[in-house]
């Protein structure tokens, strides 16, 4: 078994996911670049030419696709060291009263249920490594403390509540894996300009990836169950 660390980044053919793959590859990690469109995944990996990045067909909303991806990782690498649950969607831009249940279902399908599907599929592979690490890409919009502040803006409920639920998953997985060498954290990359927000963010995807990749590369075991951002701890 190779000593090189193996990482899976979901939703990695663009935006923060692509830049996270770049930074992990630059750190000498073999990166499996997850993308639901095989052509886009191949093109994205090609843009990172020279780095140890391999495209991987993966649709987090399709259990069959997730199972096939996990099988490929097992067959070709035998283990996984880092999982970055980056794939995410933003649905329903209206005020809370204007949103529909369908807006929430679409957000949760990727941002919450997809994370559970992928994490559970690759957890046996993470257990085979010396110190696995799960990084859930969340958002300050998922912080109930920040959203409840008197001066906060009206949250995009379908998105922000899904990220709050994702933070709940982080806490639950961290507690469940407390007696193992696997670390689980949530990260807030900041308000980055990506397709998700129609490129309205004030930070670049590359700047956001510094936070995500930094969390993925930190020493395992020291911060499990925490919510980390550019400036340190983010309140739940």
Foldseek 3Di string as FASTA:
>chain_A
DDPAAEEEQAPQLDFLNLLLQLVCQVVRHQYAYEDQDQVSQVVSVVVSPPTNYHYQHADLLDLVSLLVRLVVCCVPPVAHAEYELDDFAQFAPDFPVPDDVVRLCVGLSRLPSSCVSNCVNRVVRNLPDQAHEYEYEAALLLAPVQCPDPPHDRGRVSRNVSSVVVLVVQQVVLVVCVVGRYAGEYEHLAFAQDVRVVGPGPHHSNSSSCGRSVRRPDRTPPAHSFYAYPVGGRHD
